[in-house]
Amino acid sequence: FCAGFNLEEMAQAEEVAQAEAVGQDAPLFEHLVDTLEALPVPTIARLNGSLYGGAVDLALACDFRVGVHGMELRIPAARLGLHPYPNSLLRCASRLGLQVAKRLYLLAETLPAEELLRIGYLDALVDAAGLDAAVQAIAEPLHAGAPLALRGMKLSLNELARGEFNLK
């Protein structure tokens, strides 16, 4: 299980203080997620439970995601009156498609594990007992790859996804 902001703390704060807290924490969290995405080495999210809010984007910033049966994800921002930071929206729309992004952000749909595999959020879906082996099956070919080639390809693929790739 992993979530984004601590909603209990937000609920206890006054309205003005709440807005200030969200405004201060969002850039820090966005920076963390963007930094994870920009790491020069490929990353794998090992998901042994459900994801909510910012955790959905945190895992999406990884290059590969392996999840377990029974997990789900949901981004409740619209129901909570929160507007996600721009890179979260961009990452979701560019990696999963505009309609999936609309389902997640505008409708706040809860998507089960099987749907996460179908839409490409998950690269593998396994029983909890097979989680480590599935992660290892992705890690081994990455470890065998040439580091500079992997780094360059990862950078180029992420630029392509954001529409920033320069063909010249």
Protein backbone atom coordinates (compact mmCIF):
# COMPACT_ATOMS: atom_id res chain seq x y z
CA PHE A 1 0.00 0.00 0.00
CA CYS A 2 1.29 3.45 -0.87
CA ALA A 3 -0.46 6.80 -1.04
CA GLY A 4 0.38 10.41 -1.76
CA PHE A 5 -0.43 13.22 0.67
CA ASN A 6 -1.42 12.50 4.27
CA LEU A 7 -5.12 13.35 4.10
CA GLU A 8 -5.60 13.22 7.87
CA GLU A 9 -3.04 16.00 8.33
CA MET A 10 -4.67 18.00 5.56
CA ALA A 11 -8.12 17.61 7.16
CA GLN A 12 -6.83 18.84 10.53
CA ALA A 13 -5.31 21.99 9.04
CA GLU A 14 -7.29 25.19 8.55
CA GLU A 15 -8.40 25.90 4.99
CA VAL A 16 -5.72 28.52 4.31
CA ALA A 17 -2.98 26.52 6.00
CA GLN A 18 -4.16 23.45 4.11
CA ALA A 19 -3.76 25.20 0.76
CA GLU A 20 -0.32 26.41 1.78
CA ALA A 21 0.73 22.90 2.85
CA VAL A 22 -0.41 21.40 -0.43
CA GLY A 23 1.33 24.18 -2.30
CA GLN A 24 4.60 23.54 -0.46
CA ASP A 25 4.53 19.75 -0.51
CA ALA A 26 3.45 19.32 -4.13
CA PRO A 27 6.63 20.80 -5.65
CA LEU A 28 8.80 18.68 -3.35
CA PHE A 29 6.94 15.50 -4.25
CA GLU A 30 6.91 16.42 -7.96
CA HIS A 31 10.67 17.00 -7.81
CA LEU A 32 11.16 13.60 -6.15
CA VAL A 33 9.12 11.82 -8.85
CA ASP A 34 10.81 13.72 -11.69
CA THR A 35 14.22 12.89 -10.21
CA LEU A 36 13.29 9.20 -10.08
CA GLU A 37 12.20 9.30 -13.72
CA ALA A 38 15.44 11.05 -14.74
CA LEU A 39 17.77 8.54 -13.09
CA PRO A 40 20.26 7.38 -15.72
CA VAL A 41 19.77 3.72 -14.81
CA PRO A 42 16.57 1.81 -15.54
CA THR A 43 14.27 1.47 -12.53
CA ILE A 44 11.77 -1.22 -11.52
CA ALA A 45 8.81 -0.65 -9.20
CA ARG A 46 8.12 -3.75 -7.10
CA LEU A 47 4.44 -3.30 -6.19
CA ASN A 48 3.30 -5.60 -3.42
CA GLY A 49 0.07 -3.71 -2.75
CA SER A 50 -2.34 -1.03 -3.89
CA LEU A 51 -1.44 2.50 -4.94
CA TYR A 52 -3.37 5.69 -4.35
CA GLY A 53 -2.84 9.33 -5.27
CA GLY A 54 0.75 10.40 -5.79
CA ALA A 55 1.99 6.83 -5.42
CA VAL A 56 0.44 6.04 -8.80
CA ASP A 57 2.73 8.63 -10.40
CA LEU A 58 5.71 7.58 -8.30
CA ALA A 59 5.50 4.05 -9.72
CA LEU A 60 4.75 5.36 -13.22
CA ALA A 61 8.03 7.30 -13.10
CA CYS A 62 9.83 3.95 -12.98
CA ASP A 63 10.72 2.25 -16.24
CA PHE A 64 9.06 -1.04 -15.33
CA ARG A 65 6.34 -2.04 -12.86
CA VAL A 66 5.64 -5.50 -11.47
CA GLY A 67 2.48 -5.93 -9.43
CA VAL A 68 0.59 -8.58 -7.54
CA HIS A 69 -2.88 -10.00 -7.98
CA GLY A 70 -5.40 -8.17 -5.81
CA MET A 71 -3.73 -4.77 -6.03
CA GLU A 72 -5.57 -1.73 -7.37
CA LEU A 73 -4.93 1.93 -7.94
CA ARG A 74 -6.92 5.13 -7.76
CA ILE A 75 -6.18 8.84 -8.01
CA PRO A 76 -8.86 10.60 -5.92
CA ALA A 77 -7.62 14.16 -6.61
CA ALA A 78 -10.83 15.31 -8.35
CA ARG A 79 -12.97 14.13 -5.44
CA LEU A 80 -10.67 15.88 -2.96
CA GLY A 81 -10.56 19.16 -4.86
CA LEU A 82 -6.85 18.84 -5.66
CA HIS A 83 -5.24 19.56 -9.02
CA PRO A 84 -2.32 17.22 -9.76
CA TYR A 85 1.01 18.75 -10.69
CA PRO A 86 1.52 19.03 -14.47
CA ASN A 87 4.20 16.36 -14.88
CA SER A 88 1.93 13.78 -13.27
CA LEU A 89 -0.73 14.46 -15.90
CA LEU A 90 1.87 14.44 -18.68
CA ARG A 91 3.46 11.21 -17.51
CA CYS A 92 0.11 9.42 -17.33
CA ALA A 93 -1.24 10.70 -20.66
CA SER A 94 2.01 10.06 -22.56
CA ARG A 95 2.56 6.57 -21.15
CA LEU A 96 -0.97 5.22 -20.83
CA GLY A 97 -2.92 7.36 -23.29
CA LEU A 98 -5.29 10.29 -22.92
CA GLN A 99 -8.43 8.23 -22.27
CA VAL A 100 -6.80 6.24 -19.46
CA ALA A 101 -5.52 9.50 -17.96
CA LYS A 102 -9.05 10.93 -18.07
CA ARG A 103 -10.46 7.79 -16.41
CA LEU A 104 -7.87 8.01 -13.65
CA TYR A 105 -7.84 11.77 -13.03
CA LEU A 106 -11.32 13.01 -13.97
CA LEU A 107 -13.42 10.00 -12.99
CA ALA A 108 -11.16 8.82 -10.14
CA GLU A 109 -11.79 5.24 -11.25
CA THR A 110 -10.37 2.40 -9.21
CA LEU A 111 -8.55 0.05 -11.56
CA PRO A 112 -7.91 -3.57 -10.54
CA ALA A 113 -4.67 -5.41 -11.23
CA GLU A 114 -5.86 -7.17 -14.37
CA GLU A 115 -6.88 -3.85 -15.92
CA LEU A 116 -3.52 -2.34 -14.95
CA LEU A 117 -1.80 -5.08 -16.92
CA ARG A 118 -4.15 -4.65 -19.88
CA ILE A 119 -3.59 -0.88 -20.17
CA GLY A 120 0.18 -1.21 -19.82
CA TYR A 121 0.59 0.26 -16.35
CA LEU A 122 2.00 -3.08 -15.20
CA ASP A 123 4.64 -4.98 -17.13
CA ALA A 124 3.97 -8.16 -15.17
CA LEU A 125 1.25 -9.36 -12.82
CA VAL A 126 2.09 -12.23 -10.48
CA ASP A 127 1.13 -13.88 -7.21
CA ALA A 128 2.90 -12.38 -4.21
CA ALA A 129 5.12 -15.46 -3.93
CA GLY A 130 6.44 -14.86 -7.46
CA LEU A 131 7.06 -11.13 -7.10
CA ASP A 132 10.80 -11.29 -6.49
CA ALA A 133 11.35 -13.71 -9.37
CA ALA A 134 9.36 -11.51 -11.75
CA VAL A 135 11.38 -8.44 -10.76
CA GLN A 136 14.59 -10.43 -11.20
CA ALA A 137 13.45 -11.53 -14.68
CA ILE A 138 13.39 -7.85 -15.69
CA ALA A 139 16.54 -6.89 -13.79
CA GLU A 140 18.78 -9.58 -15.31
CA PRO A 141 18.64 -8.42 -18.95
CA LEU A 142 19.03 -4.82 -17.78
CA HIS A 143 22.12 -5.81 -15.83
CA ALA A 144 23.48 -7.57 -18.92
CA GLY A 145 22.97 -4.50 -21.13
CA ALA A 146 25.66 -1.97 -21.95
CA PRO A 147 25.26 0.85 -19.38
CA LEU A 148 25.88 3.77 -21.76
CA ALA A 149 23.51 2.34 -24.37
CA LEU A 150 20.80 1.76 -21.75
CA ARG A 151 21.26 5.29 -20.41
CA GLY A 152 21.00 6.87 -23.87
CA MET A 153 18.00 4.79 -24.89
CA LYS A 154 16.17 5.54 -21.64
CA LEU A 155 16.78 9.26 -22.08
CA SER A 156 15.62 9.19 -25.72
CA LEU A 157 12.51 7.13 -24.98
CA ASN A 158 11.47 9.45 -22.16
CA GLU A 159 12.03 12.46 -24.42
CA LEU A 160 9.91 10.81 -27.12
CA ALA A 161 7.12 10.18 -24.63
CA ARG A 162 7.12 13.87 -23.63
CA GLY A 163 7.33 15.06 -27.24
CA GLU A 164 10.78 16.56 -26.63
CA PHE A 165 12.92 14.30 -28.81
CA ASN A 166 15.04 16.25 -31.29
CA LEU A 167 15.52 14.31 -34.53
CA LYS A 168 18.29 16.62 -35.73
